[in-house]
Amino acid sequence: MRKRDVTVGRSVKFTDHALAVSASVSCMDIGHLSDAIDKVNRSDVAFWHYDVVDGVFNQCLILGDLLYPYLKEKSRLPIEIHLAVEQPERYIDIFSRYKLDYIAVHAETMNEPERVFRRIRECGALPVLAYRAETPPGEDFVDLAKKCAWVLKLTVNPGFSGQKIQDAAVRHIREMSDRLIHAGIGCRIQADGNVNEKTVHTLYEAGARIFTGGSSGLFTEERSIQENVVRLIQSAQCS
């Protein structure tokens, strides 16, 4: 497999076997936002994970577009906008006024994936293919994945802390990984939800190589963000 760099405004640079940790914006201390951004900037976090949940796709509301330009200005890192929404094209249009890096859209919400991906590229971003925790990869999984920067697999559904990783989600990651390897496609899988030292190895063994850190694994009071990044990567690979 050759090294692959993604060419967008601010791109995540992946080498062949390196693991990556992203930071969930919705799990930050919003009351001390500038300080939190600065700490992430000084760490080995690879990119931001910016959840947008519309209250329909899941029964909660998370982050609109107004925080995005502030984060974009203050951080040197790329941002993955995760559209956990119905009618994703409507939200792509809302964010199109900004400089964009990555937009994750759910397979469950796209009637015409090619059109949605094309719209994302027209905005100067790259698409990421997303799946809910309970959704298995469909017959079109490989064809869709090869058109995207990576695959985002939720291991819990967004909006409610304290959830346990769903066993079905781990099985889906393993199936996704097997199918991508069989097809010869070097597309990484990102696991999002309850990622911490105790769970990350299971996700890694299933095939995930990008881990979204939130309140249980990255933004903790006991250790710094950088210490947690190192612990997550070490815990992922330990046998």
C-alpha atoms as a PDB file:
ATOM      1  CA  MET A   1       0.000   0.000   0.000  1.00  0.00           C
ATOM      2  CA  ARG A   2       1.425   3.391  -0.943  1.00  0.00           C
ATOM      3  CA  LYS A   3       1.429   6.402   1.306  1.00  0.00           C
ATOM      4  CA  ARG A   4      -1.576   8.592   0.600  1.00  0.00           C
ATOM      5  CA  ASP A   5      -1.893  12.266   1.344  1.00  0.00           C
ATOM      6  CA  VAL A   6      -5.297  13.907   1.158  1.00  0.00           C
ATOM      7  CA  THR A   7      -5.163  17.215  -0.679  1.00  0.00           C
ATOM      8  CA  VAL A   8      -7.607  19.657   0.879  1.00  0.00           C
ATOM      9  CA  GLY A   9      -7.214  23.048   2.554  1.00  0.00           C
ATOM     10  CA  ARG A  10      -5.902  21.540   5.761  1.00  0.00           C
ATOM     11  CA  SER A  11      -5.267  17.860   5.270  1.00  0.00           C
ATOM     12  CA  VAL A  12      -4.685  14.948   7.583  1.00  0.00           C
ATOM     13  CA  LYS A  13      -1.371  13.344   6.652  1.00  0.00           C
ATOM     14  CA  PHE A  14      -1.485   9.567   7.003  1.00  0.00           C
ATOM     15  CA  THR A  15       1.450   7.228   6.632  1.00  0.00           C
ATOM     16  CA  ASP A  16       0.935   3.544   5.959  1.00  0.00           C
ATOM     17  CA  HIS A  17       0.356   2.094   9.419  1.00  0.00           C
ATOM     18  CA  ALA A  18       0.153   5.086  11.747  1.00  0.00           C
ATOM     19  CA  LEU A  19      -2.829   5.415  14.059  1.00  0.00           C
ATOM     20  CA  ALA A  20      -4.620   8.726  14.529  1.00  0.00           C
ATOM     21  CA  VAL A  21      -6.740  10.330  17.239  1.00  0.00           C
ATOM     22  CA  SER A  22      -9.341  12.999  16.524  1.00  0.00           C
ATOM     23  CA  ALA A  23     -10.878  15.340  19.102  1.00  0.00           C
ATOM     24  CA  SER A  24     -14.643  15.566  19.554  1.00  0.00           C
ATOM     25  CA  VAL A  25     -15.605  19.244  19.727  1.00  0.00           C
ATOM     26  CA  SER A  26     -18.914  18.500  21.441  1.00  0.00           C
ATOM     27  CA  CYS A  27     -17.015  16.962  24.396  1.00  0.00           C
ATOM     28  CA  MET A  28     -14.839  20.029  25.023  1.00  0.00           C
ATOM     29  CA  ASP A  29     -15.231  22.451  27.915  1.00  0.00           C
ATOM     30  CA  ILE A  30     -17.155  25.110  25.979  1.00  0.00           C
ATOM     31  CA  GLY A  31     -16.820  27.510  28.925  1.00  0.00           C
ATOM     32  CA  HIS A  32     -13.036  27.511  28.410  1.00  0.00           C
ATOM     33  CA  LEU A  33     -13.039  27.037  24.666  1.00  0.00           C
ATOM     34  CA  SER A  34      -9.932  29.004  23.756  1.00  0.00           C
ATOM     35  CA  ASP A  35      -7.840  27.176  26.336  1.00  0.00           C
ATOM     36  CA  ALA A  36      -9.165  23.802  25.199  1.00  0.00           C
ATOM     37  CA  ILE A  37      -8.383  24.561  21.561  1.00  0.00           C
ATOM     38  CA  ASP A  38      -4.874  25.629  22.486  1.00  0.00           C
ATOM     39  CA  LYS A  39      -4.249  22.375  24.378  1.00  0.00           C
ATOM     40  CA  VAL A  40      -5.415  20.300  21.414  1.00  0.00           C
ATOM     41  CA  ASN A  41      -3.275  22.383  19.052  1.00  0.00           C
ATOM     42  CA  ARG A  42      -0.209  21.545  21.157  1.00  0.00           C
ATOM     43  CA  SER A  43      -0.953  17.823  21.143  1.00  0.00           C
ATOM     44  CA  ASP A  44      -0.642  15.044  18.560  1.00  0.00           C
ATOM     45  CA  VAL A  45      -4.368  15.087  17.822  1.00  0.00           C
ATOM     46  CA  ALA A  46      -4.716  14.658  14.038  1.00  0.00           C
ATOM     47  CA  PHE A  47      -7.946  16.554  13.431  1.00  0.00           C
ATOM     48  CA  TRP A  48     -11.178  17.875  14.948  1.00  0.00           C
ATOM     49  CA  HIS A  49     -14.445  15.927  14.867  1.00  0.00           C
ATOM     50  CA  TYR A  50     -17.298  18.450  14.699  1.00  0.00           C
ATOM     51  CA  ASP A  51     -20.716  16.869  15.338  1.00  0.00           C
ATOM     52  CA  VAL A  52     -23.840  18.408  13.855  1.00  0.00           C
ATOM     53  CA  VAL A  53     -27.009  16.613  15.021  1.00  0.00           C
ATOM     54  CA  ASP A  54     -30.409  17.914  13.911  1.00  0.00           C
ATOM     55  CA  GLY A  55     -32.770  16.377  16.485  1.00  0.00           C
ATOM     56  CA  VAL A  56     -34.296  14.140  13.795  1.00  0.00           C
ATOM     57  CA  PHE A  57     -31.470  11.776  12.871  1.00  0.00           C
ATOM     58  CA  ASN A  58     -30.962  11.378  16.630  1.00  0.00           C
ATOM     59  CA  GLN A  59     -33.059  12.756  19.470  1.00  0.00           C
ATOM     60  CA  CYS A  60     -30.764  15.610  20.455  1.00  0.00           C
ATOM     61  CA  LEU A  61     -29.327  18.842  19.070  1.00  0.00           C
ATOM     62  CA  ILE A  62     -25.557  19.327  18.818  1.00  0.00           C
ATOM     63  CA  LEU A  63     -23.528  22.207  17.326  1.00  0.00           C
ATOM     64  CA  GLY A  64     -24.739  24.399  14.516  1.00  0.00           C
ATOM     65  CA  ASP A  65     -22.448  26.279  12.185  1.00  0.00           C
ATOM     66  CA  LEU A  66     -21.668  29.375  14.299  1.00  0.00           C
ATOM     67  CA  LEU A  67     -18.846  27.797  16.309  1.00  0.00           C
ATOM     68  CA  TYR A  68     -17.156  26.453  13.180  1.00  0.00           C
ATOM     69  CA  PRO A  69     -15.477  29.654  11.891  1.00  0.00           C
ATOM     70  CA  TYR A  70     -14.090  30.385  15.371  1.00  0.00           C
ATOM     71  CA  LEU A  71     -12.564  26.915  15.576  1.00  0.00           C
ATOM     72  CA  LYS A  72     -11.244  27.212  12.031  1.00  0.00           C
ATOM     73  CA  GLU A  73      -9.541  30.496  12.853  1.00  0.00           C
ATOM     74  CA  LYS A  74      -8.028  29.379  16.158  1.00  0.00           C
ATOM     75  CA  SER A  75      -6.790  25.924  15.222  1.00  0.00           C
ATOM     76  CA  ARG A  76      -4.098  24.693  12.874  1.00  0.00           C
ATOM     77  CA  LEU A  77      -5.837  21.307  12.548  1.00  0.00           C
ATOM     78  CA  PRO A  78      -8.214  20.071   9.840  1.00  0.00           C
ATOM     79  CA  ILE A  79     -11.881  19.714  10.782  1.00  0.00           C
ATOM     80  CA  GLU A  80     -14.184  16.818   9.975  1.00  0.00           C
ATOM     81  CA  ILE A  81     -17.803  17.995  10.027  1.00  0.00           C
ATOM     82  CA  HIS A  82     -19.974  15.029  10.971  1.00  0.00           C
ATOM     83  CA  LEU A  83     -23.468  15.591   9.594  1.00  0.00           C
ATOM     84  CA  ALA A  84     -25.647  13.310  11.740  1.00  0.00           C
ATOM     85  CA  VAL A  85     -28.677  14.818  10.023  1.00  0.00           C
ATOM     86  CA  GLU A  86     -31.496  14.107   7.645  1.00  0.00           C
ATOM     87  CA  GLN A  87     -31.266  15.945   4.304  1.00  0.00           C
ATOM     88  CA  PRO A  88     -27.459  16.317   4.423  1.00  0.00           C
ATOM     89  CA  GLU A  89     -27.301  18.483   1.302  1.00  0.00           C
ATOM     90  CA  ARG A  90     -29.194  21.205   3.139  1.00  0.00           C
ATOM     91  CA  TYR A  91     -26.453  21.339   5.771  1.00  0.00           C
ATOM     92  CA  ILE A  92     -23.652  21.085   3.239  1.00  0.00           C
ATOM     93  CA  ASP A  93     -25.063  24.245   1.680  1.00  0.00           C
ATOM     94  CA  ILE A  94     -25.104  25.972   5.096  1.00  0.00           C
ATOM     95  CA  PHE A  95     -21.438  25.171   5.692  1.00  0.00           C
ATOM     96  CA  SER A  96     -20.413  25.941   2.116  1.00  0.00           C
ATOM     97  CA  ARG A  97     -19.794  29.590   3.051  1.00  0.00           C
ATOM     98  CA  TYR A  98     -16.736  28.494   5.055  1.00  0.00           C
ATOM     99  CA  LYS A  99     -13.414  26.953   4.142  1.00  0.00           C
ATOM    100  CA  LEU A 100     -13.914  23.217   4.549  1.00  0.00           C
ATOM    101  CA  ASP A 101     -11.729  20.143   4.932  1.00  0.00           C
ATOM    102  CA  TYR A 102     -13.881  17.024   5.393  1.00  0.00           C
ATOM    103  CA  ILE A 103     -17.622  16.386   5.595  1.00  0.00           C
ATOM    104  CA  ALA A 104     -18.941  13.055   6.891  1.00  0.00           C
ATOM    105  CA  VAL A 105     -22.352  12.060   5.557  1.00  0.00           C
ATOM    106  CA  HIS A 106     -24.405   9.040   6.570  1.00  0.00           C
ATOM    107  CA  ALA A 107     -25.186   6.217   4.183  1.00  0.00           C
ATOM    108  CA  GLU A 108     -28.603   5.999   5.825  1.00  0.00           C
ATOM    109  CA  THR A 109     -29.546   9.521   4.729  1.00  0.00           C
ATOM    110  CA  MET A 110     -28.321   9.602   1.122  1.00  0.00           C
ATOM    111  CA  ASN A 111     -30.669   8.694  -1.704  1.00  0.00           C
ATOM    112  CA  GLU A 112     -28.049   9.674  -4.278  1.00  0.00           C
ATOM    113  CA  PRO A 113     -24.582   9.329  -2.696  1.00  0.00           C
ATOM    114  CA  GLU A 114     -22.709  10.322  -5.847  1.00  0.00           C
ATOM    115  CA  ARG A 115     -24.588  13.632  -5.977  1.00  0.00           C
ATOM    116  CA  VAL A 116     -23.883  14.302  -2.293  1.00  0.00           C
ATOM    117  CA  PHE A 117     -20.183  13.494  -2.682  1.00  0.00           C
ATOM    118  CA  ARG A 118     -19.986  15.742  -5.731  1.00  0.00           C
ATOM    119  CA  ARG A 119     -21.557  18.617  -3.808  1.00  0.00           C
ATOM    120  CA  ILE A 120     -19.025  18.167  -0.996  1.00  0.00           C
ATOM    121  CA  ARG A 121     -16.137  18.297  -3.472  1.00  0.00           C
ATOM    122  CA  GLU A 122     -17.618  21.412  -5.082  1.00  0.00           C
ATOM    123  CA  CYS A 123     -17.310  23.050  -1.648  1.00  0.00           C
ATOM    124  CA  GLY A 124     -13.579  22.269  -1.579  1.00  0.00           C
ATOM    125  CA  ALA A 125     -13.857  19.402   0.909  1.00  0.00           C
ATOM    126  CA  LEU A 126     -13.507  15.629   0.794  1.00  0.00           C
ATOM    127  CA  PRO A 127     -16.366  13.280   1.718  1.00  0.00           C
ATOM    128  CA  VAL A 128     -16.244  10.802   4.583  1.00  0.00           C
ATOM    129  CA  LEU A 129     -18.666   7.868   4.576  1.00  0.00           C
ATOM    130  CA  ALA A 130     -20.507   7.449   7.903  1.00  0.00           C
ATOM    131  CA  TYR A 131     -22.672   4.725   9.466  1.00  0.00           C
ATOM    132  CA  ARG A 132     -24.771   4.642  12.610  1.00  0.00           C
ATOM    133  CA  ALA A 133     -23.825   2.160  15.340  1.00  0.00           C
ATOM    134  CA  GLU A 134     -26.564  -0.300  14.399  1.00  0.00           C
ATOM    135  CA  THR A 135     -26.195  -0.056  10.600  1.00  0.00           C
ATOM    136  CA  PRO A 136     -24.211  -2.808   8.858  1.00  0.00           C
ATOM    137  CA  PRO A 137     -22.299  -2.022   5.666  1.00  0.00           C
ATOM    138  CA  GLY A 138     -24.529  -2.530   2.654  1.00  0.00           C
ATOM    139  CA  GLU A 139     -23.781  -4.127  -0.687  1.00  0.00           C
ATOM    140  CA  ASP A 140     -22.553  -0.776  -1.989  1.00  0.00           C
ATOM    141  CA  PHE A 141     -20.119  -0.247   0.904  1.00  0.00           C
ATOM    142  CA  VAL A 142     -16.864  -0.794  -0.988  1.00  0.00           C
ATOM    143  CA  ASP A 143     -17.968   1.260  -3.997  1.00  0.00           C
ATOM    144  CA  LEU A 144     -18.882   4.169  -1.709  1.00  0.00           C
ATOM    145  CA  ALA A 145     -15.838   3.861   0.553  1.00  0.00           C
ATOM    146  CA  LYS A 146     -13.346   4.084  -2.305  1.00  0.00           C
ATOM    147  CA  LYS A 147     -14.754   7.515  -3.176  1.00  0.00           C
ATOM    148  CA  CYS A 148     -14.160   8.863   0.348  1.00  0.00           C
ATOM    149  CA  ALA A 149     -11.235   9.946   2.504  1.00  0.00           C
ATOM    150  CA  TRP A 150     -12.109   7.340   5.157  1.00  0.00           C
ATOM    151  CA  VAL A 151     -15.085   5.606   6.791  1.00  0.00           C
ATOM    152  CA  LEU A 152     -16.623   6.879  10.043  1.00  0.00           C
ATOM    153  CA  LYS A 153     -18.322   4.157  12.093  1.00  0.00           C
ATOM    154  CA  LEU A 154     -20.275   5.205  15.155  1.00  0.00           C
ATOM    155  CA  THR A 155     -19.953   2.746  18.015  1.00  0.00           C
ATOM    156  CA  VAL A 156     -22.660   4.562  19.992  1.00  0.00           C
ATOM    157  CA  ASN A 157     -25.219   6.990  18.621  1.00  0.00           C
ATOM    158  CA  PRO A 158     -24.457  10.684  19.175  1.00  0.00           C
ATOM    159  CA  GLY A 159     -25.745  12.932  21.902  1.00  0.00           C
ATOM    160  CA  PHE A 160     -25.821  10.956  25.124  1.00  0.00           C
ATOM    161  CA  SER A 161     -22.754  10.299  27.278  1.00  0.00           C
ATOM    162  CA  GLY A 162     -22.215   7.099  29.217  1.00  0.00           C
ATOM    163  CA  GLN A 163     -23.273   4.724  26.453  1.00  0.00           C
ATOM    164  CA  LYS A 164     -21.445   1.424  26.037  1.00  0.00           C
ATOM    165  CA  ILE A 165     -19.995   0.432  22.685  1.00  0.00           C
ATOM    166  CA  GLN A 166     -22.500  -1.676  20.782  1.00  0.00           C
ATOM    167  CA  ASP A 167     -21.273  -5.191  20.029  1.00  0.00           C
ATOM    168  CA  ALA A 168     -22.872  -4.996  16.593  1.00  0.00           C
ATOM    169  CA  ALA A 169     -20.784  -1.915  15.777  1.00  0.00           C
ATOM    170  CA  VAL A 170     -17.568  -3.821  16.494  1.00  0.00           C
ATOM    171  CA  ARG A 171     -18.727  -6.637  14.220  1.00  0.00           C
ATOM    172  CA  HIS A 172     -19.493  -4.092  11.506  1.00  0.00           C
ATOM    173  CA  ILE A 173     -15.987  -2.588  11.774  1.00  0.00           C
ATOM    174  CA  ARG A 174     -14.505  -6.058  11.370  1.00  0.00           C
ATOM    175  CA  GLU A 175     -16.661  -6.733   8.313  1.00  0.00           C
ATOM    176  CA  MET A 176     -15.802  -3.347   6.810  1.00  0.00           C
ATOM    177  CA  SER A 177     -12.096  -3.943   7.340  1.00  0.00           C
ATOM    178  CA  ASP A 178     -12.234  -7.420   5.792  1.00  0.00           C
ATOM    179  CA  ARG A 179     -14.115  -6.155   2.746  1.00  0.00           C
ATOM    180  CA  LEU A 180     -11.769  -3.219   2.197  1.00  0.00           C
ATOM    181  CA  ILE A 181      -8.693  -5.438   2.490  1.00  0.00           C
ATOM    182  CA  HIS A 182     -10.211  -7.996   0.121  1.00  0.00           C
ATOM    183  CA  ALA A 183     -10.914  -5.214  -2.402  1.00  0.00           C
ATOM    184  CA  GLY A 184      -7.372  -3.845  -2.054  1.00  0.00           C
ATOM    185  CA  ILE A 185      -8.590  -0.423  -0.908  1.00  0.00           C
ATOM    186  CA  GLY A 186      -6.456   1.467   1.618  1.00  0.00           C
ATOM    187  CA  CYS A 187      -9.377   3.278   3.221  1.00  0.00           C
ATOM    188  CA  ARG A 188      -9.150   3.735   6.993  1.00  0.00           C
ATOM    189  CA  ILE A 189     -11.957   3.182   9.470  1.00  0.00           C
ATOM    190  CA  GLN A 190     -12.655   5.722  12.200  1.00  0.00           C
ATOM    191  CA  ALA A 191     -14.376   4.586  15.417  1.00  0.00           C
ATOM    192  CA  ASP A 192     -16.424   7.175  17.303  1.00  0.00           C
ATOM    193  CA  GLY A 193     -18.082   6.634  20.666  1.00  0.00           C
ATOM    194  CA  ASN A 194     -16.854   5.639  24.152  1.00  0.00           C
ATOM    195  CA  VAL A 195     -13.257   5.391  22.930  1.00  0.00           C
ATOM    196  CA  ASN A 196     -10.911   5.084  25.908  1.00  0.00           C
ATOM    197  CA  GLU A 197      -8.015   3.000  27.202  1.00  0.00           C
ATOM    198  CA  LYS A 198     -10.287   0.075  28.057  1.00  0.00           C
ATOM    199  CA  THR A 199     -12.123  -0.093  24.716  1.00  0.00           C
ATOM    200  CA  VAL A 200      -9.655   1.079  22.082  1.00  0.00           C
ATOM    201  CA  HIS A 201      -7.825  -2.244  21.693  1.00  0.00           C
ATOM    202  CA  THR A 202     -11.068  -4.031  20.806  1.00  0.00           C
ATOM    203  CA  LEU A 203     -11.753  -1.407  18.142  1.00  0.00           C
ATOM    204  CA  TYR A 204      -8.194  -1.663  16.839  1.00  0.00           C
ATOM    205  CA  GLU A 205      -8.385  -5.456  16.601  1.00  0.00           C
ATOM    206  CA  ALA A 206     -11.627  -5.139  14.652  1.00  0.00           C
ATOM    207  CA  GLY A 207      -9.878  -2.888  12.115  1.00  0.00           C
ATOM    208  CA  ALA A 208     -10.270   0.733  13.230  1.00  0.00           C
ATOM    209  CA  ARG A 209      -7.209   2.936  12.772  1.00  0.00           C
ATOM    210  CA  ILE A 210      -8.665   6.365  13.629  1.00  0.00           C
ATOM    211  CA  PHE A 211     -10.146   6.933  17.083  1.00  0.00           C
ATOM    212  CA  THR A 212     -12.359   9.853  18.078  1.00  0.00           C
ATOM    213  CA  GLY A 213     -11.603  10.880  21.644  1.00  0.00           C
ATOM    214  CA  GLY A 214     -14.282  12.446  23.811  1.00  0.00           C
ATOM    215  CA  SER A 215     -15.143  12.796  27.467  1.00  0.00           C
ATOM    216  CA  SER A 216     -14.039   9.287  28.502  1.00  0.00           C
ATOM    217  CA  GLY A 217     -10.758   9.064  26.596  1.00  0.00           C
ATOM    218  CA  LEU A 218      -9.378  12.478  25.637  1.00  0.00           C
ATOM    219  CA  PHE A 219     -10.887  15.345  27.639  1.00  0.00           C
ATOM    220  CA  THR A 220     -10.312  14.022  31.156  1.00  0.00           C
ATOM    221  CA  GLU A 221      -9.294  15.781  34.356  1.00  0.00           C
ATOM    222  CA  GLU A 222      -6.690  13.189  35.355  1.00  0.00           C
ATOM    223  CA  ARG A 223      -4.295  13.677  32.443  1.00  0.00           C
ATOM    224  CA  SER A 224      -3.414  16.149  29.718  1.00  0.00           C
ATOM    225  CA  ILE A 225      -4.747  15.773  26.194  1.00  0.00           C
ATOM    226  CA  GLN A 226      -1.318  14.815  24.911  1.00  0.00           C
ATOM    227  CA  GLU A 227      -0.929  12.152  27.608  1.00  0.00           C
ATOM    228  CA  ASN A 228      -4.316  10.736  26.645  1.00  0.00           C
ATOM    229  CA  VAL A 229      -3.413  10.661  22.941  1.00  0.00           C
ATOM    230  CA  VAL A 230      -0.292   8.654  23.744  1.00  0.00           C
ATOM    231  CA  ARG A 231      -2.208   6.297  26.046  1.00  0.00           C
ATOM    232  CA  LEU A 232      -4.926   5.699  23.470  1.00  0.00           C
ATOM    233  CA  ILE A 233      -2.433   4.776  20.758  1.00  0.00           C
ATOM    234  CA  GLN A 234      -0.399   2.597  23.099  1.00  0.00           C
ATOM    235  CA  SER A 235      -3.504   0.851  24.443  1.00  0.00           C
ATOM    236  CA  ALA A 236      -4.797   0.232  20.933  1.00  0.00           C
ATOM    237  CA  GLN A 237      -1.714  -1.725  19.933  1.00  0.00           C
ATOM    238  CA  CYS A 238      -0.992  -3.583  23.174  1.00  0.00           C
ATOM    239  CA  SER A 239      -1.862  -7.278  23.208  1.00  0.00           C
END
